[in-house]
Amino acid sequence: HPPADPEDIKKDEGVEMVEVLSPPVSVAADLHFTDHFSLTTPSNAIRSRANATSRVYENTHTQFILDEVIDDETGKHHMTLKKIGDSSARLKFLRACYSIVTVFWSGFLAVFCLMMILFLVLDLTIQMGATSIQEANNGNFLGVLLSVPVMVLGMAEALVIATHFVADTWGGHTLIRNFMLGKFHVVVAEWFSFVLYL
């Protein structure tokens, strides 16, 4: 069968986002397609008996489909570029709500990390005798000074993990589904996320 028409795809209940990026364009017959090295995954070519070829380029949440149909009478190649998404506006809104909650959680973590760094700076001033709390203590001062790089590195890694957590939440809980809810259906994972972020 030839590649499905975008209007027919739009009528299907399973796909809610089909965008035709270019109308059918006649091109030369001696075309050769080569995948660019920057692609995450190589393209997939689907050929049919009706002199039609569809090349699928996958992205994180979308697919770019390049349809090539050869006219039997003229021999010309007609190219159409389509974009199909695997999510709807309602799903994006729900994931946006989840992401906002994770951003708030990450904000609390960022405030905690900043407080820990400020406490280290305060302790440095106390141990060096710059305040009236106590006299200078060189041993404690050296210990606090050496702990500053370790604390800064640890807090930075915690914030990096929090950032990836926010991105994973927006991307559909890939990490949670792979390590915690892998044996359950994706709908169960979405309901678990809904109850967790409620």
Protein backbone atom coordinates (compact mmCIF):
# COMPACT_ATOMS: atom_id res chain seq x y z
CA HIS A 1 0.00 0.00 0.00
CA PRO A 2 1.20 3.55 -0.63
CA PRO A 3 1.95 5.80 2.35
CA ALA A 4 -1.15 6.94 4.18
CA ASP A 5 -2.54 10.35 3.40
CA PRO A 6 -2.14 12.88 6.26
CA GLU A 7 -5.87 13.59 6.26
CA ASP A 8 -6.58 9.89 6.76
CA ILE A 9 -4.06 9.72 9.58
CA LYS A 10 -5.69 12.67 11.32
CA LYS A 11 -8.97 10.75 11.47
CA ASP A 12 -7.39 7.90 13.43
CA GLU A 13 -7.92 8.06 17.17
CA GLY A 14 -4.42 6.89 18.03
CA VAL A 15 -2.57 9.77 16.38
CA GLU A 16 -3.43 13.32 17.30
CA MET A 17 -0.58 15.33 15.85
CA VAL A 18 0.17 15.10 12.12
CA GLU A 19 1.71 18.10 10.43
CA VAL A 20 2.50 18.25 6.73
CA LEU A 21 5.70 20.26 6.55
CA SER A 22 5.80 20.48 2.75
CA PRO A 23 3.35 19.86 -0.09
CA PRO A 24 4.21 17.20 -2.69
CA VAL A 25 7.24 18.40 -4.65
CA SER A 26 8.49 16.93 -7.92
CA VAL A 27 12.20 16.19 -7.83
CA ALA A 28 14.79 14.54 -10.02
CA ALA A 29 14.78 10.79 -10.42
CA ASP A 30 18.42 10.20 -9.45
CA LEU A 31 18.11 10.84 -5.72
CA HIS A 32 20.26 9.09 -3.15
CA PHE A 33 19.66 9.47 0.59
CA THR A 34 22.47 9.18 3.12
CA ASP A 35 21.95 9.53 6.87
CA HIS A 36 23.85 12.34 8.52
CA PHE A 37 26.32 11.31 11.22
CA SER A 38 24.58 13.54 13.79
CA LEU A 39 21.37 11.47 13.76
CA THR A 40 20.66 9.63 17.00
CA THR A 41 19.38 6.56 15.15
CA PRO A 42 19.60 5.72 11.45
CA SER A 43 16.53 6.19 9.31
CA ASN A 44 14.18 3.36 8.40
CA ALA A 45 13.06 2.92 4.81
CA ILE A 46 9.70 1.28 4.08
CA ARG A 47 9.03 0.34 0.47
CA SER A 48 5.67 -0.68 -0.99
CA ARG A 49 4.52 -2.20 -4.25
CA ALA A 50 2.99 1.05 -5.44
CA ASN A 51 6.43 2.58 -6.20
CA ALA A 52 6.37 4.41 -2.89
CA THR A 53 9.04 4.67 -0.23
CA SER A 54 8.70 6.16 3.23
CA ARG A 55 11.80 7.12 5.19
CA VAL A 56 11.23 7.53 8.93
CA TYR A 57 13.52 9.69 11.05
CA GLU A 58 12.89 9.28 14.78
CA ASN A 59 13.20 11.99 17.37
CA THR A 60 12.44 11.92 21.09
CA HIS A 61 8.70 12.49 20.79
CA THR A 62 8.21 12.97 17.06
CA GLN A 63 8.80 11.21 13.79
CA PHE A 64 9.70 12.85 10.50
CA ILE A 65 8.39 10.89 7.54
CA LEU A 66 9.69 11.54 4.05
CA ASP A 67 7.28 10.02 1.52
CA GLU A 68 8.57 9.41 -1.99
CA VAL A 69 6.08 8.33 -4.66
CA ILE A 70 7.13 7.58 -8.24
CA ASP A 71 4.61 8.44 -10.94
CA ASP A 72 4.30 5.48 -13.33
CA GLU A 73 3.38 7.68 -16.28
CA THR A 74 5.93 10.47 -16.01
CA GLY A 75 8.57 8.74 -13.88
CA LYS A 76 8.85 11.78 -11.62
CA HIS A 77 9.46 11.48 -7.90
CA HIS A 78 6.98 13.29 -5.66
CA MET A 79 8.28 14.03 -2.17
CA THR A 80 6.19 14.91 0.91
CA LEU A 81 7.59 15.64 4.37
CA LYS A 82 5.36 14.96 7.38
CA LYS A 83 5.80 15.27 11.12
CA ILE A 84 3.96 12.95 13.51
CA GLY A 85 3.95 13.44 17.26
CA ASP A 86 3.30 10.77 19.85
CA SER A 87 1.64 13.06 22.39
CA SER A 88 -1.43 15.26 22.54
CA ALA A 89 -1.99 18.73 23.98
CA ARG A 90 -3.73 17.23 27.03
CA LEU A 91 -0.79 14.92 27.74
CA LYS A 92 1.66 17.81 27.39
CA PHE A 93 -0.43 19.86 29.82
CA LEU A 94 -0.40 17.01 32.35
CA ARG A 95 3.35 16.55 32.03
CA ALA A 96 3.82 20.30 32.33
CA CYS A 97 2.00 20.17 35.68
CA TYR A 98 4.28 17.33 36.78
CA SER A 99 7.33 19.29 35.65
CA ILE A 100 6.25 22.38 37.60
CA VAL A 101 6.07 20.27 40.77
CA THR A 102 9.54 18.84 40.13
CA VAL A 103 10.87 22.36 39.49
CA PHE A 104 9.56 23.37 42.93
CA TRP A 105 11.25 20.33 44.47
CA SER A 106 14.48 21.22 42.70
CA GLY A 107 14.12 24.78 43.96
CA PHE A 108 13.97 23.55 47.55
CA LEU A 109 17.09 21.48 46.90
CA ALA A 110 18.87 24.50 45.40
CA VAL A 111 18.02 26.61 48.47
CA PHE A 112 19.31 23.82 50.74
CA CYS A 113 22.57 23.62 48.78
CA LEU A 114 23.03 27.38 48.95
CA MET A 115 22.42 27.35 52.70
CA MET A 116 25.03 24.63 53.17
CA ILE A 117 27.62 26.67 51.25
CA LEU A 118 26.79 29.79 53.24
CA PHE A 119 27.13 27.84 56.50
CA LEU A 120 30.59 26.73 55.37
CA VAL A 121 31.60 30.34 54.67
CA LEU A 122 30.25 31.38 58.07
CA ASP A 123 32.14 28.56 59.76
CA LEU A 124 35.32 29.64 57.97
CA THR A 125 35.05 33.13 59.39
CA ILE A 126 34.40 31.72 62.88
CA GLN A 127 37.33 29.26 62.79
CA MET A 128 39.76 31.89 61.52
CA GLY A 129 38.93 34.14 64.48
CA ALA A 130 37.33 36.93 62.48
CA THR A 131 34.34 37.03 64.83
CA SER A 132 33.95 37.48 68.56
CA ILE A 133 32.57 33.97 69.06
CA GLN A 134 35.90 32.22 69.56
CA GLU A 135 39.62 32.50 68.98
CA ALA A 136 41.28 31.30 65.80
CA ASN A 137 41.59 27.53 65.45
CA ASN A 138 43.97 26.66 62.65
CA GLY A 139 43.15 22.94 62.62
CA ASN A 140 39.41 23.44 62.34
CA PHE A 141 39.93 26.23 59.82
CA LEU A 142 42.02 23.95 57.59
CA GLY A 143 39.41 21.17 57.86
CA VAL A 144 36.54 23.47 56.89
CA LEU A 145 38.59 24.99 54.06
CA LEU A 146 39.36 21.57 52.60
CA SER A 147 35.72 20.54 52.85
CA VAL A 148 34.55 23.47 50.69
CA PRO A 149 35.50 21.91 47.29
CA VAL A 150 33.94 18.58 48.31
CA MET A 151 30.70 20.25 49.39
CA VAL A 152 30.54 22.42 46.28
CA LEU A 153 31.10 19.41 44.02
CA GLY A 154 28.50 17.35 45.87
CA MET A 155 25.89 20.10 45.76
CA ALA A 156 26.57 20.69 42.07
CA GLU A 157 26.04 17.00 41.32
CA ALA A 158 22.79 17.05 43.31
CA LEU A 159 21.53 19.99 41.24
CA VAL A 160 22.54 18.24 38.02
CA ILE A 161 20.55 15.16 39.09
CA ALA A 162 17.59 17.40 39.93
CA THR A 163 17.77 18.99 36.48
CA HIS A 164 17.76 15.57 34.82
CA PHE A 165 14.84 14.59 37.02
CA VAL A 166 12.84 17.57 35.73
CA ALA A 167 13.74 16.69 32.13
CA ASP A 168 12.80 13.05 32.70
CA THR A 169 9.44 14.09 34.14
CA TRP A 170 8.70 16.21 31.08
CA GLY A 171 9.85 13.38 28.82
CA GLY A 172 7.34 10.89 30.20
CA HIS A 173 9.07 9.35 33.26
CA THR A 174 11.45 7.22 31.21
CA LEU A 175 13.78 6.58 34.15
CA ILE A 176 10.95 5.61 36.50
CA ARG A 177 9.38 3.32 33.93
CA ASN A 178 12.68 1.56 33.20
CA PHE A 179 13.81 0.98 36.78
CA MET A 180 10.68 0.98 38.93
CA LEU A 181 7.59 0.36 36.80
CA GLY A 182 9.11 -1.53 33.89
CA LYS A 183 6.84 -4.55 34.26
CA PHE A 184 3.69 -2.43 34.37
CA HIS A 185 1.79 -0.88 31.49
CA VAL A 186 2.51 2.73 30.55
CA VAL A 187 -1.00 3.70 31.70
CA VAL A 188 -0.23 2.33 35.18
CA ALA A 189 2.96 4.41 35.24
CA GLU A 190 1.01 7.53 34.30
CA TRP A 191 -1.55 6.90 37.06
CA PHE A 192 1.27 6.32 39.55
CA SER A 193 2.81 9.63 38.53
CA PHE A 194 -0.56 11.37 38.81
CA VAL A 195 -1.05 10.13 42.39
CA LEU A 196 2.57 10.94 43.29
CA TYR A 197 2.45 14.53 42.01
CA LEU A 198 -1.12 15.23 43.14
